[in-house]
């Protein structure tokens, strides 16, 4: 589930989740790379220090995902789809869509059902 990101909502959520998250990028061989990064919000984009591997990856595949784990037990994760551009000392990340996500409790214990409880950013 993807919901368009309003920058004003993103700023609100960043105050809750913090400015450190996992950056997921894709290598040329289609395998993933995960790096924990610290970001700052500047205008309509997130910026962070350059990661060599991520910088190389976004040259061929500029689509990335940012993941913030829940900050409380049973809470939501925040997931952003974004595009990324590598500059000399910085990654510039433009959010495209985002969602707050957590697994929904199963109606019956051990039912094997895999559902989720998603909410728009700013909820």
C-alpha atoms as a PDB file:
ATOM      1  CA  UNK A   1       0.000   0.000   0.000  1.00  0.00           C
ATOM      2  CA  UNK A   2       1.483   3.331  -1.023  1.00  0.00           C
ATOM      3  CA  UNK A   3       0.099   6.724  -0.095  1.00  0.00           C
ATOM      4  CA  UNK A   4       1.506   9.989  -1.531  1.00  0.00           C
ATOM      5  CA  UNK A   5       3.840  11.738   0.892  1.00  0.00           C
ATOM      6  CA  UNK A   6       3.046  15.296   1.900  1.00  0.00           C
ATOM      7  CA  UNK A   7       6.289  16.947   2.998  1.00  0.00           C
ATOM      8  CA  UNK A   8       4.488  18.539   5.962  1.00  0.00           C
ATOM      9  CA  UNK A   9       3.381  15.059   7.087  1.00  0.00           C
ATOM     10  CA  UNK A  10       6.862  13.649   6.545  1.00  0.00           C
ATOM     11  CA  UNK A  11       8.375  16.317   8.772  1.00  0.00           C
ATOM     12  CA  UNK A  12       5.837  15.448  11.490  1.00  0.00           C
ATOM     13  CA  UNK A  13       6.648  11.744  11.225  1.00  0.00           C
ATOM     14  CA  UNK A  14      10.402  12.404  11.275  1.00  0.00           C
ATOM     15  CA  UNK A  15       9.976  14.130  14.633  1.00  0.00           C
ATOM     16  CA  UNK A  16       8.482  10.854  15.936  1.00  0.00           C
ATOM     17  CA  UNK A  17      10.689   8.324  14.132  1.00  0.00           C
ATOM     18  CA  UNK A  18      13.960  10.257  14.192  1.00  0.00           C
ATOM     19  CA  UNK A  19      16.386  11.120  11.435  1.00  0.00           C
ATOM     20  CA  UNK A  20      18.157   7.754  11.171  1.00  0.00           C
ATOM     21  CA  UNK A  21      16.773   4.986   8.957  1.00  0.00           C
ATOM     22  CA  UNK A  22      17.734   2.059   6.763  1.00  0.00           C
ATOM     23  CA  UNK A  23      18.429   2.936   3.123  1.00  0.00           C
ATOM     24  CA  UNK A  24      17.724   0.022   0.756  1.00  0.00           C
ATOM     25  CA  UNK A  25      19.210   0.181  -2.727  1.00  0.00           C
ATOM     26  CA  UNK A  26      19.633  -2.397  -5.502  1.00  0.00           C
ATOM     27  CA  UNK A  27      22.932  -3.538  -7.039  1.00  0.00           C
ATOM     28  CA  UNK A  28      23.434  -4.220 -10.757  1.00  0.00           C
ATOM     29  CA  UNK A  29      22.990  -7.965 -10.091  1.00  0.00           C
ATOM     30  CA  UNK A  30      19.539  -7.214  -8.557  1.00  0.00           C
ATOM     31  CA  UNK A  31      20.630  -8.003  -4.984  1.00  0.00           C
ATOM     32  CA  UNK A  32      19.839  -5.537  -2.240  1.00  0.00           C
ATOM     33  CA  UNK A  33      22.139  -3.374  -0.170  1.00  0.00           C
ATOM     34  CA  UNK A  34      21.070  -2.044   3.233  1.00  0.00           C
ATOM     35  CA  UNK A  35      22.821   0.810   5.027  1.00  0.00           C
ATOM     36  CA  UNK A  36      21.854   2.606   8.229  1.00  0.00           C
ATOM     37  CA  UNK A  37      22.070   6.347   7.544  1.00  0.00           C
ATOM     38  CA  UNK A  38      21.345   9.656   9.293  1.00  0.00           C
ATOM     39  CA  UNK A  39      19.345  12.187   7.291  1.00  0.00           C
ATOM     40  CA  UNK A  40      18.380  15.822   7.319  1.00  0.00           C
ATOM     41  CA  UNK A  41      15.264  17.244   5.673  1.00  0.00           C
ATOM     42  CA  UNK A  42      16.087  20.113   3.297  1.00  0.00           C
ATOM     43  CA  UNK A  43      13.206  21.588   1.322  1.00  0.00           C
ATOM     44  CA  UNK A  44      11.481  18.608  -0.325  1.00  0.00           C
ATOM     45  CA  UNK A  45      14.266  16.061   0.025  1.00  0.00           C
ATOM     46  CA  UNK A  46      16.224  14.033   2.545  1.00  0.00           C
ATOM     47  CA  UNK A  47      20.002  14.314   2.455  1.00  0.00           C
ATOM     48  CA  UNK A  48      22.717  12.178   3.983  1.00  0.00           C
ATOM     49  CA  UNK A  49      26.440  11.562   3.728  1.00  0.00           C
ATOM     50  CA  UNK A  50      27.356   9.488   0.710  1.00  0.00           C
ATOM     51  CA  UNK A  51      27.599   5.711   1.031  1.00  0.00           C
ATOM     52  CA  UNK A  52      29.982   4.306  -1.618  1.00  0.00           C
ATOM     53  CA  UNK A  53      27.844   1.278  -2.342  1.00  0.00           C
ATOM     54  CA  UNK A  54      24.547   3.186  -2.418  1.00  0.00           C
ATOM     55  CA  UNK A  55      26.105   5.879  -4.627  1.00  0.00           C
ATOM     56  CA  UNK A  56      27.195   3.221  -7.116  1.00  0.00           C
ATOM     57  CA  UNK A  57      23.806   1.492  -6.969  1.00  0.00           C
ATOM     58  CA  UNK A  58      21.728   4.613  -7.640  1.00  0.00           C
ATOM     59  CA  UNK A  59      23.695   5.376 -10.788  1.00  0.00           C
ATOM     60  CA  UNK A  60      21.942   2.428 -12.459  1.00  0.00           C
ATOM     61  CA  UNK A  61      18.850   2.098 -10.239  1.00  0.00           C
ATOM     62  CA  UNK A  62      17.800   5.412  -8.646  1.00  0.00           C
ATOM     63  CA  UNK A  63      14.743   3.957  -6.882  1.00  0.00           C
ATOM     64  CA  UNK A  64      15.362   3.333  -3.173  1.00  0.00           C
ATOM     65  CA  UNK A  65      13.395   2.551  -0.034  1.00  0.00           C
ATOM     66  CA  UNK A  66      13.841   4.129   3.392  1.00  0.00           C
ATOM     67  CA  UNK A  67      12.720   2.103   6.414  1.00  0.00           C
ATOM     68  CA  UNK A  68      12.263   3.342   9.962  1.00  0.00           C
ATOM     69  CA  UNK A  69      11.534   0.526  12.447  1.00  0.00           C
ATOM     70  CA  UNK A  70       8.794   1.048  15.046  1.00  0.00           C
ATOM     71  CA  UNK A  71       9.833   3.294  17.919  1.00  0.00           C
ATOM     72  CA  UNK A  72       7.516   1.467  20.328  1.00  0.00           C
ATOM     73  CA  UNK A  73       6.458  -2.157  20.820  1.00  0.00           C
ATOM     74  CA  UNK A  74       3.562  -3.002  18.491  1.00  0.00           C
ATOM     75  CA  UNK A  75       3.985   0.314  16.703  1.00  0.00           C
ATOM     76  CA  UNK A  76       4.191   1.213  13.051  1.00  0.00           C
ATOM     77  CA  UNK A  77       7.230   1.133  10.785  1.00  0.00           C
ATOM     78  CA  UNK A  78       7.521   4.011   8.336  1.00  0.00           C
ATOM     79  CA  UNK A  79       8.392   3.037   4.753  1.00  0.00           C
ATOM     80  CA  UNK A  80       9.156   5.565   2.017  1.00  0.00           C
ATOM     81  CA  UNK A  81       9.637   4.870  -1.674  1.00  0.00           C
ATOM     82  CA  UNK A  82      11.996   7.452  -3.124  1.00  0.00           C
ATOM     83  CA  UNK A  83      14.403   8.365  -5.881  1.00  0.00           C
ATOM     84  CA  UNK A  84      18.038   9.029  -5.080  1.00  0.00           C
ATOM     85  CA  UNK A  85      20.825  10.990  -6.728  1.00  0.00           C
ATOM     86  CA  UNK A  86      24.459  10.740  -5.627  1.00  0.00           C
ATOM     87  CA  UNK A  87      26.546  13.887  -5.548  1.00  0.00           C
ATOM     88  CA  UNK A  88      30.166  14.270  -4.438  1.00  0.00           C
ATOM     89  CA  UNK A  89      29.668  14.002  -0.674  1.00  0.00           C
ATOM     90  CA  UNK A  90      25.906  13.580  -0.423  1.00  0.00           C
ATOM     91  CA  UNK A  91      22.916  11.458  -1.353  1.00  0.00           C
ATOM     92  CA  UNK A  92      19.818  13.501  -2.262  1.00  0.00           C
ATOM     93  CA  UNK A  93      16.630  11.515  -1.742  1.00  0.00           C
ATOM     94  CA  UNK A  94      13.217  12.640  -2.998  1.00  0.00           C
ATOM     95  CA  UNK A  95      10.242  10.846  -1.395  1.00  0.00           C
ATOM     96  CA  UNK A  96       7.644   9.567  -3.875  1.00  0.00           C
ATOM     97  CA  UNK A  97       5.217   7.710  -1.596  1.00  0.00           C
ATOM     98  CA  UNK A  98       5.054   6.458   1.938  1.00  0.00           C
ATOM     99  CA  UNK A  99       3.134   4.383   4.425  1.00  0.00           C
ATOM    100  CA  UNK A 100       3.013   3.601   8.111  1.00  0.00           C
ATOM    101  CA  UNK A 101       2.875  -0.200   8.362  1.00  0.00           C
ATOM    102  CA  UNK A 102       2.540  -2.895  11.001  1.00  0.00           C
ATOM    103  CA  UNK A 103       1.351  -6.495  10.954  1.00  0.00           C
ATOM    104  CA  UNK A 104      -2.302  -6.823  11.900  1.00  0.00           C
ATOM    105  CA  UNK A 105      -3.103  -9.268  14.680  1.00  0.00           C
ATOM    106  CA  UNK A 106      -4.488 -12.548  13.363  1.00  0.00           C
ATOM    107  CA  UNK A 107      -8.193 -13.093  13.991  1.00  0.00           C
ATOM    108  CA  UNK A 108      -7.387 -16.595  15.183  1.00  0.00           C
ATOM    109  CA  UNK A 109      -4.067 -17.495  16.815  1.00  0.00           C
ATOM    110  CA  UNK A 110      -1.830 -19.586  14.548  1.00  0.00           C
ATOM    111  CA  UNK A 111      -4.176 -19.088  11.570  1.00  0.00           C
ATOM    112  CA  UNK A 112      -1.199 -18.342   9.350  1.00  0.00           C
ATOM    113  CA  UNK A 113      -2.965 -15.288   7.941  1.00  0.00           C
ATOM    114  CA  UNK A 114      -0.599 -12.521   6.949  1.00  0.00           C
ATOM    115  CA  UNK A 115      -2.379  -9.203   7.019  1.00  0.00           C
ATOM    116  CA  UNK A 116      -1.292  -5.674   7.740  1.00  0.00           C
ATOM    117  CA  UNK A 117      -2.557  -2.574   9.410  1.00  0.00           C
ATOM    118  CA  UNK A 118      -1.493   0.381   7.227  1.00  0.00           C
ATOM    119  CA  UNK A 119      -2.156   4.049   7.835  1.00  0.00           C
ATOM    120  CA  UNK A 120      -1.399   7.225   5.906  1.00  0.00           C
ATOM    121  CA  UNK A 121       1.519   9.360   7.068  1.00  0.00           C
ATOM    122  CA  UNK A 122       0.343  11.902   9.628  1.00  0.00           C
ATOM    123  CA  UNK A 123      -2.133   9.469  11.273  1.00  0.00           C
END
